[in-house]
Amino acid sequence: MYRLSCETTISAAHFLREYKGPCANLHGHNWKIKVEVSAIELNNIGLAIDFYDLKKITWKVVGEFDHQNFNEIPPFDKINPTAENIVKYFYEKIAERLPAGIKMESLKIWETEKYLVEYSE
């Protein structure tokens, strides 16, 4: 099995609804996002998936949040934009766009250098 990953970053704001503390206020992060996929077979030129294509797929999902407020963009206009909810949403939306033969393994999001959430199924 081959495992591949790509990383990207977005700058985005959010606030946590019903939270008792400073994160209830609007604030921003430079979110680091790492997508990990796997494949059993390679194509005719020896690639599982082109890193460029994986980056494009990732950006189609996460890019709409870059320099935005999560709370203003569905589904986070209704669900709380916690790192846990964001990581699951990104995981599911990226997984839907992957080509046949490529399996989503995990997605990691760092709010800061010290705080990370990982999601996998």
Protein backbone atom coordinates (compact mmCIF):
# COMPACT_ATOMS: atom_id res chain seq x y z
CA MET A 1 0.00 0.00 0.00
CA TYR A 2 1.11 3.53 -0.80
CA ARG A 3 0.39 6.42 1.55
CA LEU A 4 0.59 9.97 0.31
CA SER A 5 -0.08 13.28 1.99
CA CYS A 6 -0.28 16.93 1.18
CA GLU A 7 -0.40 19.97 3.40
CA THR A 8 -1.93 23.36 2.90
CA THR A 9 -2.84 26.32 5.07
CA ILE A 10 -5.70 28.74 5.27
CA SER A 11 -6.21 31.83 7.37
CA ALA A 12 -9.72 31.94 8.75
CA ALA A 13 -11.69 33.28 11.68
CA HIS A 14 -14.34 31.69 13.85
CA PHE A 15 -16.05 31.97 17.20
CA LEU A 16 -17.49 29.18 19.28
CA ARG A 17 -21.17 29.38 20.09
CA GLU A 18 -22.24 28.59 23.67
CA TYR A 19 -18.58 28.50 24.76
CA LYS A 20 -17.66 30.05 28.10
CA GLY A 21 -14.28 31.66 27.50
CA PRO A 22 -12.27 33.81 25.11
CA CYS A 23 -12.94 31.59 22.09
CA ALA A 24 -16.56 32.78 22.19
CA ASN A 25 -15.18 35.98 20.64
CA LEU A 26 -14.30 36.25 16.98
CA HIS A 27 -10.65 35.28 16.47
CA GLY A 28 -8.49 33.85 13.73
CA HIS A 29 -6.00 31.08 13.08
CA ASN A 30 -3.57 30.06 10.40
CA TRP A 31 -5.01 26.57 10.01
CA LYS A 32 -2.57 23.92 8.79
CA ILE A 33 -4.36 21.05 7.05
CA LYS A 34 -2.79 17.68 6.24
CA VAL A 35 -4.63 15.21 3.99
CA GLU A 36 -3.47 11.58 4.00
CA VAL A 37 -4.63 9.13 1.34
CA SER A 38 -3.69 5.60 0.29
CA ALA A 39 -3.70 3.49 -2.82
CA ILE A 40 -2.96 -0.15 -3.56
CA GLU A 41 -2.12 0.28 -7.24
CA LEU A 42 -0.18 2.77 -9.32
CA ASN A 43 -1.18 4.12 -12.71
CA ASN A 44 0.70 3.39 -15.93
CA ILE A 45 3.40 5.99 -15.15
CA GLY A 46 3.91 4.88 -11.56
CA LEU A 47 1.73 7.35 -9.63
CA ALA A 48 -1.00 6.63 -7.11
CA ILE A 49 -2.30 10.19 -7.47
CA ASP A 50 -0.44 13.25 -8.67
CA PHE A 51 0.39 15.50 -5.71
CA TYR A 52 -0.81 18.45 -7.79
CA ASP A 53 -4.21 16.80 -8.23
CA LEU A 54 -4.45 15.99 -4.51
CA LYS A 55 -3.63 19.61 -3.69
CA LYS A 56 -6.30 20.85 -6.16
CA ILE A 57 -8.95 18.55 -4.67
CA THR A 58 -8.03 19.70 -1.17
CA TRP A 59 -8.13 23.37 -2.14
CA LYS A 60 -11.57 23.02 -3.75
CA VAL A 61 -12.88 22.15 -0.30
CA VAL A 62 -10.77 24.24 2.07
CA GLY A 63 -10.15 27.24 -0.19
CA GLU A 64 -13.63 28.66 0.19
CA PHE A 65 -12.84 29.26 3.88
CA ASP A 66 -9.54 31.07 3.28
CA HIS A 67 -9.68 34.61 4.67
CA GLN A 68 -13.29 34.09 5.70
CA ASN A 69 -15.28 33.62 8.89
CA PHE A 70 -16.29 29.96 9.28
CA ASN A 71 -19.46 31.03 11.11
CA GLU A 72 -20.78 32.70 7.96
CA ILE A 73 -20.34 29.74 5.58
CA PRO A 74 -22.55 26.61 5.53
CA PRO A 75 -22.63 24.29 7.30
CA PHE A 76 -20.91 26.32 10.03
CA ASP A 77 -23.57 28.98 9.94
CA LYS A 78 -25.64 26.33 11.76
CA ILE A 79 -23.15 23.96 13.41
CA ASN A 80 -20.45 25.15 15.77
CA PRO A 81 -17.13 25.64 13.92
CA THR A 82 -15.03 23.71 16.41
CA ALA A 83 -11.82 22.17 15.12
CA GLU A 84 -13.51 18.78 15.56
CA ASN A 85 -16.48 19.72 13.36
CA ILE A 86 -14.24 21.38 10.77
CA VAL A 87 -11.87 18.41 10.46
CA LYS A 88 -14.75 15.95 9.91
CA TYR A 89 -16.39 18.22 7.34
CA PHE A 90 -13.14 18.63 5.39
CA TYR A 91 -12.47 14.88 5.58
CA GLU A 92 -15.89 13.97 4.17
CA LYS A 93 -15.89 16.60 1.42
CA ILE A 94 -12.36 15.75 0.22
CA ALA A 95 -13.10 12.00 0.34
CA GLU A 96 -16.11 12.55 -1.97
CA ARG A 97 -13.85 14.09 -4.62
CA LEU A 98 -11.07 11.51 -4.66
CA PRO A 99 -10.70 9.40 -7.81
CA ALA A 100 -11.37 5.66 -7.85
CA GLY A 101 -8.61 3.67 -6.21
CA ILE A 102 -7.64 6.45 -3.79
CA LYS A 103 -8.82 6.03 -0.19
CA MET A 104 -9.01 8.81 2.36
CA GLU A 105 -7.03 7.77 5.44
CA SER A 106 -7.04 10.78 7.74
CA LEU A 107 -7.17 14.51 7.94
CA LYS A 108 -5.34 16.62 10.50
CA ILE A 109 -5.91 20.25 11.33
CA TRP A 110 -3.73 22.43 13.48
CA GLU A 111 -5.32 25.57 14.92
CA THR A 112 -1.91 26.56 16.22
CA GLU A 113 1.50 24.90 16.36
CA LYS A 114 0.42 23.28 19.63
CA TYR A 115 -3.21 22.27 19.01
CA LEU A 116 -4.14 19.51 16.56
CA VAL A 117 -7.26 17.51 15.75
CA GLU A 118 -7.14 14.36 13.61
CA TYR A 119 -10.10 12.56 12.04
CA SER A 120 -10.30 9.17 10.33
CA GLU A 121 -12.97 6.56 9.80
